[in-house]
Protein backbone atom coordinates (compact mmCIF):
# COMPACT_ATOMS: atom_id res chain seq x y z
CA MET A 1 143.02 -96.66 59.96
CA THR A 2 142.98 -99.72 58.12
CA GLU A 3 140.51 -101.63 60.11
CA ASN A 4 137.05 -101.93 57.72
CA ALA A 5 134.69 -101.41 61.04
CA CYS A 6 134.37 -97.70 59.93
CA TYR A 7 133.14 -98.43 56.46
CA THR A 8 129.95 -100.69 57.12
CA PHE A 9 127.26 -101.74 60.52
CA GLU A 10 127.92 -105.00 59.93
CA ALA A 11 131.95 -104.57 60.61
CA ALA A 12 131.69 -102.30 63.31
CA ILE A 13 129.22 -104.44 65.33
CA GLU A 14 131.30 -107.82 64.47
CA LYS A 15 134.61 -105.59 65.67
CA ALA A 16 132.72 -104.56 69.05
CA ILE A 17 131.11 -107.74 69.32
CA GLU A 18 134.74 -109.57 69.30
CA MET A 19 135.69 -107.09 71.85
CA GLU A 20 132.91 -107.74 74.50
CA GLU A 21 133.61 -111.49 73.68
CA ASN A 22 137.69 -111.26 74.65
CA GLY A 23 136.24 -109.86 77.88
CA PHE A 24 134.19 -112.00 78.57
CA ARG A 25 136.25 -114.77 78.06
CA SER A 26 139.11 -113.50 79.68
CA TYR A 27 136.79 -113.23 83.11
CA LEU A 28 135.72 -115.88 82.34
CA ASN A 29 139.21 -117.56 82.45
CA ALA A 30 139.86 -115.85 85.92
CA ILE A 31 136.65 -116.71 87.80
CA SER A 32 137.38 -120.58 86.70
CA ILE A 33 141.19 -120.43 88.68
CA LEU A 34 140.02 -118.61 91.47
CA LYS A 35 139.31 -119.86 95.03
CA ASN A 36 138.46 -116.64 96.61
CA LYS A 37 134.59 -116.64 96.59
CA HIS A 38 134.05 -112.98 96.95
CA ALA A 39 137.01 -112.16 94.14
CA GLN A 40 135.20 -114.45 91.79
CA ALA A 41 131.75 -112.48 92.18
CA ILE A 42 133.08 -109.58 91.62
CA LEU A 43 134.61 -111.00 88.35
CA ARG A 44 131.10 -112.97 87.41
CA ASP A 45 129.37 -109.29 87.74
CA ALA A 46 131.76 -107.95 85.22
CA ALA A 47 131.21 -110.41 83.33
CA LEU A 48 127.76 -110.62 82.74
CA ASP A 49 128.20 -107.00 81.69
CA GLU A 50 130.11 -108.06 78.99
CA MET A 51 127.83 -110.18 78.24
CA ARG A 52 125.07 -107.84 78.05
CA HIS A 53 127.01 -106.29 75.64
CA LYS A 54 127.68 -108.81 73.17
CA GLN A 55 123.81 -109.88 73.29
CA GLU A 56 122.82 -106.41 72.44
CA LEU A 57 124.99 -106.16 69.86
CA GLU A 58 124.16 -109.76 68.49
CA LYS A 59 120.98 -108.13 68.35
CA ALA A 60 121.54 -104.74 66.61
CA LEU A 61 123.53 -107.22 64.21
CA LEU A 62 120.69 -109.01 63.41
CA LEU A 63 118.27 -106.27 63.07
CA GLY A 64 120.79 -104.24 61.11
CA ALA A 65 120.60 -101.38 63.57
CA MET A 66 121.04 -100.55 66.99
CA GLU A 67 117.89 -100.26 68.96
CA GLY A 68 117.56 -98.14 71.87
CA SER A 69 120.88 -97.69 73.80
CA ILE A 70 123.27 -100.13 75.44
CA GLY A 71 124.64 -97.88 77.79
CA MET A 72 125.33 -94.13 79.00
CA GLN A 73 124.82 -91.26 75.90
CA ALA A 74 127.18 -88.79 77.91
CA GLY A 75 130.69 -89.77 79.09
CA VAL A 76 132.09 -89.89 82.42
CA GLN A 77 135.68 -89.63 83.79
CA ALA A 78 137.14 -92.68 85.63
CA MET A 79 140.26 -92.09 87.76
CA ASN A 80 142.37 -94.20 85.86
CA LEU A 81 143.93 -96.30 88.48
CA SER A 82 145.07 -98.79 85.77
CA TYR A 83 148.09 -96.60 85.46
CA THR A 84 148.77 -96.40 89.40
CA LEU A 85 147.81 -100.31 89.65
CA GLY A 86 149.55 -101.83 87.34
CA VAL A 87 148.71 -105.03 85.55
CA GLN A 88 148.67 -108.33 87.54
CA GLU A 89 148.20 -111.91 86.37
CA LEU A 90 145.58 -113.73 88.50
CA THR A 91 146.98 -116.75 90.71
CA PRO A 92 143.96 -119.31 92.33
CA ASP A 93 145.05 -117.43 95.70
CA ALA A 94 144.05 -113.86 94.32
CA ASP A 95 142.06 -112.17 96.60
CA VAL A 96 138.97 -109.20 96.20
CA ARG A 97 141.80 -106.69 95.94
CA GLN A 98 143.93 -108.55 93.32
CA ALA A 99 140.61 -109.35 91.48
CA LEU A 100 139.40 -105.74 91.05
CA ILE A 101 142.90 -104.55 89.44
CA TYR A 102 142.55 -107.62 87.14
CA ALA A 103 138.92 -106.00 86.31
CA ILE A 104 140.19 -102.12 86.07
CA ASN A 105 142.65 -103.40 83.83
CA LEU A 106 140.30 -105.33 81.54
CA GLU A 107 137.83 -102.35 81.36
CA LYS A 108 140.31 -99.84 80.54
CA ASN A 109 141.58 -102.08 77.47
CA ALA A 110 138.27 -102.11 76.40
CA ILE A 111 137.99 -98.41 76.85
CA ASP A 112 141.76 -98.09 75.01
CA PHE A 113 139.82 -100.22 72.15
CA TYR A 114 136.98 -98.21 71.50
CA GLN A 115 139.08 -95.07 71.74
CA ARG A 116 141.30 -96.02 69.24
CA MET A 117 138.24 -97.31 67.42
CA ILE A 118 136.47 -93.84 67.27
CA ASP A 119 139.98 -91.87 66.41
CA GLY A 120 140.46 -94.27 63.67
CA CYS A 121 137.24 -93.78 61.90
CA GLU A 122 136.75 -90.14 62.41
CA GLY A 123 133.59 -88.82 60.36
CA ALA A 124 132.31 -92.39 59.82
CA PRO A 125 128.97 -93.42 60.65
CA MET A 126 130.23 -95.91 63.00
CA VAL A 127 131.42 -93.44 65.59
CA PRO A 128 128.12 -92.91 67.82
CA VAL A 129 128.42 -96.86 67.86
CA PHE A 130 132.09 -96.76 69.37
CA GLN A 131 131.57 -93.94 71.33
CA GLN A 132 128.24 -95.42 73.23
CA LEU A 133 130.22 -98.31 73.73
CA LEU A 134 133.26 -96.54 75.35
CA ASN A 135 131.16 -94.79 77.61
CA ASP A 136 129.41 -97.65 78.99
CA GLU A 137 132.92 -98.88 79.26
CA THR A 138 133.94 -96.27 81.27
CA ARG A 139 131.04 -96.38 83.49
CA HIS A 140 131.96 -100.16 84.10
CA LEU A 141 135.60 -98.82 85.06
CA LEU A 142 134.39 -96.30 87.24
CA GLN A 143 132.18 -98.36 89.42
CA LEU A 144 135.23 -100.66 89.77
CA GLU A 145 137.51 -97.63 90.56
CA ASP A 146 134.95 -96.82 93.00
CA MET A 147 134.34 -100.18 94.91
CA TYR A 148 138.64 -100.27 95.09
CA GLU A 149 138.91 -96.41 96.30
CA GLU A 150 136.15 -97.34 99.17
CA HIS A 151 137.93 -100.92 100.12
CA PHE A 152 141.44 -100.56 100.22
CA MET A 153 142.53 -96.55 99.81
CA THR A 154 142.97 -95.30 102.93
CA GLU A 155 142.14 -91.55 103.49
CA ASN A 156 144.72 -89.52 105.05
């Protein structure tokens, strides 16, 4: 990997902060255009998760080390609904279902980013940081997928 995030703690944390900031801004922009209050609430919760990640990462950058855990240590398996649902742009009239699909796809993008960082930095000391973030993003994705399944997928 050509990214310098493999070589220093600071570079790894900066890359992760950038990823979390981009996710937060995407949610914030989507919330600002939506009219549906329930859809806004779903995206607001997801944005708060991204904000918490960013704050923990900024604290780690300031202190020079990760303190404790920002998420799960063990990985979980998501349903991969993003492949089935596809990417959709949100319009002001988007409903809760569309907001969930949007959030599922944003979380999947974060998972893909952290997986690329792990793959590209194999053996580097930053891999545990990226693995921890990957696990937490996967947990977020699973929560969103469970919500989607509960409300929008019918049983046969």
